[in-house]
């Protein structure tokens, strides 16, 4: 009688363990090295950080805001669409509005991390907020910190070992002297 042992399906989706051992995952450090060239050549002259803050009053916007954690994305991602940021007149004065795209984000980051979950995996609480901050350094110090929030979930592209994000401009920026 013939053996009915089934062969593994070569077309089945990979398991998480298989993905982690895949050729595409092993190429992430090489892709990151190539992305870092833009920083060293002076093409990406800004910093991008994920900032997680909390409020002392128990809910967002109540009490004093303080930084829980912040993480600089390295190598520096590609920021595009700044030309779509416009000035609008609001009751508080002139504010910037619009969307940008952040691409070439290292594949070594997880989706949860890019969504603003803490490094220990905790989701933001009711008194916390997470945003992306773009800062162009200036000769006299810190520069303007522009605050953006995530418009939609991060999209991962395994063929280029990168994440892409759509971000929307927030009205209020984090002043340098505050933290």
Protein backbone atom coordinates (compact mmCIF):
# COMPACT_ATOMS: atom_id res chain seq x y z
CA UNK A 1 0.00 0.00 0.00
CA UNK A 2 1.35 3.42 -0.93
CA UNK A 3 2.12 6.02 1.69
CA UNK A 4 -0.31 8.93 1.84
CA UNK A 5 2.13 11.34 3.46
CA UNK A 6 1.24 14.80 2.26
CA UNK A 7 3.89 17.06 0.83
CA UNK A 8 4.09 20.64 2.05
CA UNK A 9 2.23 23.04 -0.19
CA UNK A 10 4.87 25.21 -1.90
CA UNK A 11 2.21 27.89 -2.55
CA UNK A 12 0.97 28.21 1.03
CA UNK A 13 1.54 31.51 2.81
CA UNK A 14 4.64 31.69 4.99
CA UNK A 15 4.38 31.45 8.74
CA UNK A 16 5.73 34.27 10.89
CA UNK A 17 8.85 32.20 11.67
CA UNK A 18 9.43 31.58 7.94
CA UNK A 19 8.99 35.28 7.16
CA UNK A 20 11.58 36.20 9.78
CA UNK A 21 14.09 33.82 8.14
CA UNK A 22 13.28 34.88 4.57
CA UNK A 23 15.70 36.40 2.11
CA UNK A 24 13.68 39.65 2.08
CA UNK A 25 14.07 40.04 5.87
CA UNK A 26 17.79 39.31 5.66
CA UNK A 27 18.17 42.14 3.12
CA UNK A 28 16.79 44.83 5.48
CA UNK A 29 20.24 45.84 6.84
CA UNK A 30 21.54 46.25 3.28
CA UNK A 31 18.51 48.38 2.33
CA UNK A 32 19.02 50.48 5.49
CA UNK A 33 22.68 51.05 4.57
CA UNK A 34 21.62 52.29 1.13
CA UNK A 35 19.01 54.61 2.68
CA UNK A 36 21.60 56.04 5.06
CA UNK A 37 23.58 57.33 2.05
CA UNK A 38 20.98 60.08 1.61
CA UNK A 39 21.68 61.30 5.13
CA UNK A 40 25.44 61.23 4.69
CA UNK A 41 25.18 63.06 1.36
CA UNK A 42 23.02 65.82 2.89
CA UNK A 43 19.87 64.94 0.94
CA UNK A 44 17.82 64.14 4.05
CA UNK A 45 18.61 67.11 6.29
CA UNK A 46 15.83 66.54 8.79
CA UNK A 47 15.00 64.20 11.66
CA UNK A 48 11.82 62.18 12.09
CA UNK A 49 10.73 61.07 15.55
CA UNK A 50 7.80 59.19 17.00
CA UNK A 51 6.81 61.02 20.18
CA UNK A 52 4.51 59.62 22.85
CA UNK A 53 3.25 62.16 25.39
CA UNK A 54 0.89 61.99 28.35
CA UNK A 55 -1.23 64.53 30.21
CA UNK A 56 -1.26 64.89 33.99
CA UNK A 57 -5.04 65.43 34.14
CA UNK A 58 -5.90 61.84 33.20
CA UNK A 59 -7.17 62.60 29.66
CA UNK A 60 -5.65 64.09 26.51
CA UNK A 61 -5.57 67.86 26.72
CA UNK A 62 -6.11 68.04 30.49
CA UNK A 63 -3.29 69.22 32.74
CA UNK A 64 0.36 69.44 31.70
CA UNK A 65 1.75 67.48 28.78
CA UNK A 66 5.02 65.57 29.23
CA UNK A 67 7.05 63.20 27.05
CA UNK A 68 6.73 59.50 27.89
CA UNK A 69 9.12 58.34 25.17
CA UNK A 70 10.45 59.43 21.82
CA UNK A 71 12.32 57.50 19.19
CA UNK A 72 14.24 58.85 16.21
CA UNK A 73 13.63 56.81 13.06
CA UNK A 74 16.91 55.66 11.53
CA UNK A 75 18.00 55.69 8.85
CA UNK A 76 16.09 58.90 8.20
CA UNK A 77 12.99 58.13 6.09
CA UNK A 78 12.12 59.99 2.88
CA UNK A 79 9.66 62.83 3.44
CA UNK A 80 7.65 63.88 0.41
CA UNK A 81 4.69 66.10 -0.21
CA UNK A 82 5.78 69.10 1.85
CA UNK A 83 4.81 71.24 -1.11
CA UNK A 84 1.22 70.20 -0.36
CA UNK A 85 1.31 71.82 3.07
CA UNK A 86 -0.57 75.12 2.86
CA UNK A 87 -1.07 78.10 5.14
CA UNK A 88 -4.62 78.69 6.34
CA UNK A 89 -6.06 81.49 8.41
CA UNK A 90 -7.82 80.20 11.52
CA UNK A 91 -9.07 81.88 14.68
CA UNK A 92 -5.66 81.14 16.25
CA UNK A 93 -3.80 82.79 13.33
CA UNK A 94 -1.88 81.25 10.42
CA UNK A 95 -1.66 77.46 10.60
CA UNK A 96 -0.22 74.83 8.27
CA UNK A 97 -2.57 72.20 6.85
CA UNK A 98 -2.10 69.21 4.57
CA UNK A 99 -0.69 65.73 4.19
CA UNK A 100 2.76 64.28 3.62
CA UNK A 101 4.10 60.82 2.87
CA UNK A 102 6.85 59.19 4.86
CA UNK A 103 8.51 56.35 2.95
CA UNK A 104 11.73 54.36 3.10
CA UNK A 105 11.06 53.56 6.76
CA UNK A 106 13.21 50.61 7.78
CA UNK A 107 11.56 47.20 7.60
CA UNK A 108 13.05 46.37 11.01
CA UNK A 109 10.30 48.40 12.70
CA UNK A 110 7.02 46.67 13.55
CA UNK A 111 3.57 47.86 12.60
CA UNK A 112 2.62 48.24 16.27
CA UNK A 113 5.65 50.44 16.89
CA UNK A 114 4.80 52.67 13.91
CA UNK A 115 1.20 52.91 15.18
CA UNK A 116 2.51 54.36 18.42
CA UNK A 117 2.47 51.39 20.74
CA UNK A 118 5.18 51.61 23.40
CA UNK A 119 8.42 49.70 23.13
CA UNK A 120 6.94 47.29 25.67
CA UNK A 121 3.91 46.74 23.40
CA UNK A 122 1.39 48.85 25.34
CA UNK A 123 -1.21 50.83 23.46
CA UNK A 124 -1.53 54.56 24.16
CA UNK A 125 -3.77 55.20 27.16
CA UNK A 126 -6.66 57.71 27.40
CA UNK A 127 -4.25 60.37 28.69
CA UNK A 128 -1.61 59.72 25.98
CA UNK A 129 -1.12 60.74 22.39
CA UNK A 130 1.36 59.66 19.75
CA UNK A 131 2.53 61.77 16.86
CA UNK A 132 5.32 62.06 14.33
CA UNK A 133 7.63 65.03 14.55
CA UNK A 134 9.76 66.37 11.69
CA UNK A 135 12.55 68.76 12.59
CA UNK A 136 14.89 70.62 10.29
CA UNK A 137 17.95 71.65 12.35
CA UNK A 138 18.99 75.29 12.21
CA UNK A 139 22.34 76.97 12.86
CA UNK A 140 21.04 78.63 16.02
CA UNK A 141 19.71 75.46 17.64
CA UNK A 142 16.68 73.24 17.65
CA UNK A 143 14.66 74.38 14.63
CA UNK A 144 10.92 74.12 14.09
CA UNK A 145 9.33 70.85 15.16
CA UNK A 146 6.35 70.07 12.93
CA UNK A 147 3.82 67.65 14.39
CA UNK A 148 1.93 65.13 12.25
CA UNK A 149 -0.47 62.31 13.07
CA UNK A 150 -0.97 58.99 11.34
CA UNK A 151 -3.84 59.19 8.81
CA UNK A 152 -4.07 55.46 8.07
CA UNK A 153 -2.36 52.24 9.03
CA UNK A 154 1.26 51.71 7.99
CA UNK A 155 1.77 49.88 4.69
CA UNK A 156 4.66 47.43 4.39
CA UNK A 157 6.38 46.72 1.06
CA UNK A 158 8.50 43.58 1.37
CA UNK A 159 10.01 43.98 -2.10
CA UNK A 160 11.74 47.21 -0.98
CA UNK A 161 11.95 46.33 2.75
CA UNK A 162 10.17 49.54 3.73
CA UNK A 163 7.12 50.96 5.43
CA UNK A 164 5.13 53.89 4.02
CA UNK A 165 2.94 56.20 6.06
CA UNK A 166 0.44 58.91 5.26
CA UNK A 167 0.64 61.73 7.80
CA UNK A 168 -1.55 64.79 8.38
CA UNK A 169 -0.32 68.09 9.77
CA UNK A 170 -1.43 68.95 13.30
CA UNK A 171 -2.07 72.55 14.27
CA UNK A 172 0.02 72.67 17.43
CA UNK A 173 3.76 71.94 17.41
CA UNK A 174 5.92 70.95 20.36
CA UNK A 175 7.96 74.01 21.36
CA UNK A 176 11.67 73.29 21.97
CA UNK A 177 11.80 74.95 25.39
CA UNK A 178 8.89 72.88 26.73
CA UNK A 179 10.72 69.56 27.08
